[in-house]
N, C-alpha and C. Protein backbone atom coordinates (compact mmCIF):
# COMPACT_ATOMS: atom_id res chain seq x y z
N MET A 1 0.85 -1.18 0.00
CA MET A 1 0.00 0.00 0.00
C MET A 1 0.89 1.25 0.00
N LEU A 2 0.51 2.24 -0.74
CA LEU A 2 1.25 3.49 -0.81
C LEU A 2 0.95 4.34 0.42
N SER A 3 1.98 4.99 0.92
CA SER A 3 1.80 5.77 2.14
C SER A 3 1.12 7.11 1.84
N THR A 4 0.37 7.59 2.83
CA THR A 4 -0.29 8.89 2.74
C THR A 4 -0.21 9.55 4.12
N GLY A 5 -0.52 10.82 4.15
CA GLY A 5 -0.60 11.53 5.41
C GLY A 5 0.67 11.48 6.24
N LYS A 6 0.52 11.11 7.51
CA LYS A 6 1.65 11.08 8.43
C LYS A 6 2.70 10.05 8.01
N ALA A 7 2.26 8.91 7.49
CA ALA A 7 3.20 7.88 7.05
C ALA A 7 4.04 8.38 5.88
N HIS A 8 3.41 9.11 4.97
CA HIS A 8 4.12 9.68 3.82
C HIS A 8 5.15 10.70 4.29
N GLU A 9 4.74 11.55 5.22
CA GLU A 9 5.64 12.58 5.75
C GLU A 9 6.83 11.93 6.48
N ALA A 10 6.55 10.88 7.24
CA ALA A 10 7.62 10.18 7.96
C ALA A 10 8.60 9.53 6.98
N ALA A 11 8.07 8.92 5.93
CA ALA A 11 8.92 8.29 4.92
C ALA A 11 9.78 9.34 4.22
N LYS A 12 9.18 10.48 3.90
CA LYS A 12 9.93 11.58 3.26
C LYS A 12 11.05 12.05 4.18
N ASN A 13 10.75 12.24 5.45
CA ASN A 13 11.77 12.68 6.39
C ASN A 13 12.87 11.64 6.57
N ASP A 14 12.51 10.37 6.55
CA ASP A 14 13.52 9.31 6.62
C ASP A 14 14.45 9.36 5.41
N LEU A 15 13.87 9.54 4.23
CA LEU A 15 14.66 9.62 3.00
C LEU A 15 15.62 10.82 3.05
N ILE A 16 15.10 11.96 3.43
CA ILE A 16 15.94 13.16 3.54
C ILE A 16 17.04 12.92 4.57
N GLY A 17 16.71 12.25 5.66
CA GLY A 17 17.71 11.93 6.68
C GLY A 17 18.83 11.07 6.12
N CYS A 18 18.49 10.10 5.28
CA CYS A 18 19.51 9.26 4.63
C CYS A 18 20.40 10.11 3.73
N PHE A 19 19.79 11.01 2.98
CA PHE A 19 20.58 11.89 2.11
C PHE A 19 21.49 12.80 2.92
N LYS A 20 21.03 13.23 4.09
CA LYS A 20 21.85 14.10 4.94
C LYS A 20 23.04 13.33 5.51
N VAL A 21 22.87 12.04 5.77
CA VAL A 21 23.99 11.20 6.20
C VAL A 21 25.05 11.16 5.08
N LEU A 22 24.59 10.97 3.84
CA LEU A 22 25.51 10.98 2.71
C LEU A 22 26.22 12.32 2.58
N GLU A 23 25.49 13.40 2.77
CA GLU A 23 26.11 14.72 2.73
C GLU A 23 27.17 14.86 3.81
N GLY A 24 26.90 14.31 4.98
CA GLY A 24 27.89 14.35 6.05
C GLY A 24 29.16 13.61 5.69
N GLU A 25 29.01 12.51 4.99
CA GLU A 25 30.19 11.75 4.54
C GLU A 25 30.93 12.48 3.43
N LEU A 26 30.18 13.16 2.59
CA LEU A 26 30.78 13.90 1.48
C LEU A 26 31.56 15.11 1.99
N GLU A 27 31.04 15.73 3.05
CA GLU A 27 31.63 16.94 3.62
C GLU A 27 31.82 17.99 2.53
N ASP A 28 33.00 18.54 2.39
CA ASP A 28 33.27 19.55 1.36
C ASP A 28 34.14 19.00 0.24
N LYS A 29 34.23 17.67 0.15
CA LYS A 29 35.03 17.04 -0.90
C LYS A 29 34.24 17.04 -2.21
N PRO A 30 34.93 17.07 -3.32
CA PRO A 30 34.22 17.01 -4.60
C PRO A 30 33.58 15.63 -4.85
N TYR A 31 34.23 14.58 -4.38
CA TYR A 31 33.72 13.21 -4.54
C TYR A 31 33.84 12.49 -3.21
N PHE A 32 33.16 11.38 -3.06
CA PHE A 32 33.18 10.67 -1.79
C PHE A 32 34.59 10.18 -1.43
N GLY A 33 35.41 9.91 -2.43
CA GLY A 33 36.77 9.47 -2.17
C GLY A 33 37.77 10.61 -2.07
N GLY A 34 37.31 11.81 -2.17
CA GLY A 34 38.20 12.97 -2.11
C GLY A 34 38.21 13.72 -3.43
N GLU A 35 39.38 13.85 -4.01
CA GLU A 35 39.54 14.62 -5.24
C GLU A 35 39.24 13.82 -6.51
N THR A 36 39.14 12.50 -6.37
CA THR A 36 38.93 11.66 -7.56
C THR A 36 37.60 10.92 -7.50
N PHE A 37 37.00 10.77 -8.64
CA PHE A 37 35.76 10.01 -8.82
C PHE A 37 36.10 8.54 -8.59
N GLY A 38 35.41 7.90 -7.65
CA GLY A 38 35.77 6.53 -7.30
C GLY A 38 34.58 5.59 -7.20
N ILE A 39 34.83 4.46 -6.58
CA ILE A 39 33.86 3.37 -6.53
C ILE A 39 32.58 3.76 -5.77
N VAL A 40 32.70 4.54 -4.71
CA VAL A 40 31.50 4.96 -3.97
C VAL A 40 30.65 5.88 -4.85
N ASP A 41 31.30 6.75 -5.59
CA ASP A 41 30.57 7.63 -6.52
C ASP A 41 29.85 6.80 -7.58
N VAL A 42 30.54 5.81 -8.11
CA VAL A 42 29.95 4.93 -9.13
C VAL A 42 28.74 4.21 -8.56
N ALA A 43 28.83 3.78 -7.30
CA ALA A 43 27.73 3.05 -6.68
C ALA A 43 26.53 3.94 -6.39
N LEU A 44 26.77 5.20 -6.08
CA LEU A 44 25.68 6.08 -5.66
C LEU A 44 25.07 6.94 -6.77
N ILE A 45 25.81 7.23 -7.81
CA ILE A 45 25.31 8.16 -8.83
C ILE A 45 24.04 7.68 -9.53
N PRO A 46 23.76 6.38 -9.67
CA PRO A 46 22.49 6.00 -10.30
C PRO A 46 21.26 6.54 -9.57
N TYR A 47 21.36 6.79 -8.28
CA TYR A 47 20.23 7.34 -7.53
C TYR A 47 19.89 8.76 -7.97
N TYR A 48 20.83 9.42 -8.61
CA TYR A 48 20.57 10.77 -9.11
C TYR A 48 19.39 10.77 -10.10
N SER A 49 19.24 9.69 -10.84
CA SER A 49 18.14 9.59 -11.80
C SER A 49 16.77 9.66 -11.11
N TYR A 50 16.74 9.38 -9.82
CA TYR A 50 15.48 9.39 -9.07
C TYR A 50 15.26 10.68 -8.28
N PHE A 51 16.22 11.59 -8.25
CA PHE A 51 16.07 12.81 -7.47
C PHE A 51 14.79 13.56 -7.84
N TYR A 52 14.52 13.70 -9.12
CA TYR A 52 13.32 14.42 -9.55
C TYR A 52 12.06 13.68 -9.09
N THR A 53 12.08 12.37 -9.15
CA THR A 53 10.94 11.58 -8.68
C THR A 53 10.72 11.78 -7.19
N TYR A 54 11.80 11.76 -6.42
CA TYR A 54 11.69 12.00 -4.98
C TYR A 54 11.07 13.36 -4.71
N GLU A 55 11.50 14.36 -5.47
CA GLU A 55 10.96 15.71 -5.30
C GLU A 55 9.47 15.76 -5.63
N GLU A 56 9.10 15.16 -6.74
CA GLU A 56 7.70 15.20 -7.18
C GLU A 56 6.79 14.43 -6.22
N CYS A 57 7.21 13.25 -5.83
CA CYS A 57 6.37 12.43 -4.96
C CYS A 57 6.43 12.87 -3.50
N GLY A 58 7.57 13.39 -3.09
CA GLY A 58 7.74 13.79 -1.70
C GLY A 58 7.42 15.24 -1.43
N LYS A 59 7.24 16.01 -2.48
CA LYS A 59 6.95 17.45 -2.35
C LYS A 59 8.02 18.17 -1.53
N PHE A 60 9.27 18.00 -1.97
CA PHE A 60 10.38 18.72 -1.37
C PHE A 60 11.42 19.01 -2.43
N SER A 61 12.38 19.83 -2.11
CA SER A 61 13.43 20.20 -3.05
C SER A 61 14.75 19.60 -2.61
N MET A 62 15.37 18.82 -3.48
CA MET A 62 16.68 18.25 -3.18
C MET A 62 17.72 19.35 -3.02
N VAL A 63 17.62 20.41 -3.82
CA VAL A 63 18.58 21.51 -3.73
C VAL A 63 18.50 22.18 -2.37
N VAL A 64 17.30 22.36 -1.87
CA VAL A 64 17.11 23.01 -0.57
C VAL A 64 17.56 22.08 0.56
N GLU A 65 17.13 20.83 0.50
CA GLU A 65 17.41 19.88 1.58
C GLU A 65 18.84 19.36 1.57
N CYS A 66 19.40 19.12 0.40
CA CYS A 66 20.71 18.47 0.29
C CYS A 66 21.56 19.11 -0.80
N PRO A 67 21.93 20.37 -0.64
CA PRO A 67 22.66 21.07 -1.71
C PRO A 67 24.02 20.45 -2.05
N LYS A 68 24.72 19.93 -1.06
CA LYS A 68 26.03 19.32 -1.33
C LYS A 68 25.88 18.06 -2.18
N LEU A 69 24.84 17.29 -1.91
CA LEU A 69 24.61 16.07 -2.67
C LEU A 69 24.23 16.39 -4.11
N VAL A 70 23.44 17.42 -4.31
CA VAL A 70 23.06 17.84 -5.66
C VAL A 70 24.28 18.36 -6.41
N ALA A 71 25.12 19.15 -5.74
CA ALA A 71 26.35 19.65 -6.38
C ALA A 71 27.27 18.49 -6.75
N TRP A 72 27.38 17.50 -5.88
CA TRP A 72 28.17 16.30 -6.17
C TRP A 72 27.62 15.60 -7.42
N ALA A 73 26.30 15.43 -7.48
CA ALA A 73 25.69 14.76 -8.62
C ALA A 73 25.97 15.52 -9.91
N HIS A 74 25.90 16.84 -9.86
CA HIS A 74 26.19 17.64 -11.06
C HIS A 74 27.65 17.48 -11.49
N ARG A 75 28.57 17.40 -10.52
CA ARG A 75 29.98 17.17 -10.86
C ARG A 75 30.13 15.81 -11.53
N CYS A 76 29.46 14.81 -10.99
CA CYS A 76 29.53 13.47 -11.58
C CYS A 76 28.97 13.46 -13.00
N MET A 77 27.87 14.20 -13.20
CA MET A 77 27.23 14.24 -14.52
C MET A 77 28.09 14.95 -15.56
N GLU A 78 29.09 15.69 -15.13
CA GLU A 78 30.01 16.31 -16.08
C GLU A 78 30.91 15.28 -16.76
N LYS A 79 30.98 14.11 -16.17
CA LYS A 79 31.77 13.02 -16.76
C LYS A 79 30.93 12.35 -17.84
N GLU A 80 31.48 12.26 -19.02
CA GLU A 80 30.73 11.69 -20.14
C GLU A 80 30.28 10.26 -19.85
N SER A 81 31.13 9.49 -19.18
CA SER A 81 30.79 8.09 -18.88
C SER A 81 29.56 8.01 -17.98
N VAL A 82 29.35 9.01 -17.16
CA VAL A 82 28.19 9.03 -16.27
C VAL A 82 26.98 9.56 -17.02
N SER A 83 27.12 10.71 -17.65
CA SER A 83 25.98 11.35 -18.29
C SER A 83 25.38 10.50 -19.41
N LYS A 84 26.21 9.72 -20.08
CA LYS A 84 25.70 8.88 -21.17
C LYS A 84 25.09 7.57 -20.68
N SER A 85 25.32 7.23 -19.41
CA SER A 85 24.84 5.94 -18.93
C SER A 85 23.59 6.03 -18.05
N LEU A 86 23.26 7.20 -17.55
CA LEU A 86 22.10 7.33 -16.67
C LEU A 86 20.84 7.71 -17.44
N PRO A 87 19.70 7.16 -17.04
CA PRO A 87 18.45 7.54 -17.70
C PRO A 87 18.03 8.95 -17.33
N ASP A 88 17.26 9.57 -18.19
CA ASP A 88 16.74 10.91 -17.96
C ASP A 88 15.82 10.92 -16.74
N GLN A 89 15.98 11.90 -15.87
CA GLN A 89 15.19 12.00 -14.65
C GLN A 89 13.69 12.10 -14.91
N HIS A 90 13.30 12.81 -15.93
CA HIS A 90 11.87 12.97 -16.23
C HIS A 90 11.26 11.67 -16.72
N ARG A 91 12.00 10.91 -17.50
CA ARG A 91 11.50 9.61 -17.96
C ARG A 91 11.35 8.65 -16.79
N VAL A 92 12.31 8.68 -15.87
CA VAL A 92 12.23 7.83 -14.67
C VAL A 92 11.00 8.22 -13.86
N CYS A 93 10.80 9.51 -13.68
CA CYS A 93 9.65 10.00 -12.92
C CYS A 93 8.34 9.57 -13.58
N ASN A 94 8.23 9.74 -14.88
CA ASN A 94 7.02 9.34 -15.59
C ASN A 94 6.74 7.86 -15.41
N PHE A 95 7.78 7.03 -15.51
CA PHE A 95 7.63 5.60 -15.31
C PHE A 95 7.12 5.31 -13.89
N CYS A 96 7.74 5.94 -12.89
CA CYS A 96 7.35 5.71 -11.50
C CYS A 96 5.91 6.15 -11.24
N LEU A 97 5.50 7.28 -11.82
CA LEU A 97 4.14 7.76 -11.63
C LEU A 97 3.12 6.83 -12.29
N GLU A 98 3.48 6.31 -13.46
CA GLU A 98 2.59 5.34 -14.11
C GLU A 98 2.49 4.05 -13.29
N PHE A 99 3.60 3.62 -12.74
CA PHE A 99 3.62 2.42 -11.90
C PHE A 99 2.78 2.65 -10.64
N LYS A 100 2.87 3.84 -10.09
CA LYS A 100 2.06 4.20 -8.91
C LYS A 100 0.58 4.13 -9.24
N LYS A 101 0.19 4.66 -10.40
CA LYS A 101 -1.21 4.60 -10.83
C LYS A 101 -1.69 3.16 -10.94
N MET A 102 -0.82 2.31 -11.49
CA MET A 102 -1.17 0.90 -11.64
C MET A 102 -1.38 0.25 -10.27
N LEU A 103 -0.51 0.57 -9.31
CA LEU A 103 -0.66 0.01 -7.97
C LEU A 103 -1.93 0.51 -7.28
N GLU A 104 -2.24 1.77 -7.48
CA GLU A 104 -3.45 2.34 -6.88
C GLU A 104 -4.71 1.72 -7.46
N ALA A 105 -4.65 1.30 -8.71
CA ALA A 105 -5.81 0.71 -9.38
C ALA A 105 -6.11 -0.70 -8.90
N GLN A 106 -5.13 -1.32 -8.28
CA GLN A 106 -5.32 -2.72 -7.85
C GLN A 106 -6.09 -2.82 -6.56
């Protein structure tokens, strides 16, 4: 069942809390490993494709809540190997919203 009301708000706050933990680990470094793009960045950057979906479904702004994480994602996206391999955020969001509609219909 999809969350609503207080459960939805709690889930949103939990998600933001997880992102804030990542921001804490990132600190002021350009990448999680420091000055170089590394394995942790490779493991986490696919979640960037869902940032827009989180914003739309959670009714919050990633830039406001987690500016360091968004800046990190933009740095990662400057790498051609990253930008060419990740799906478009809007397409991911559209897919998720259609999937949500399907679940609600059941």
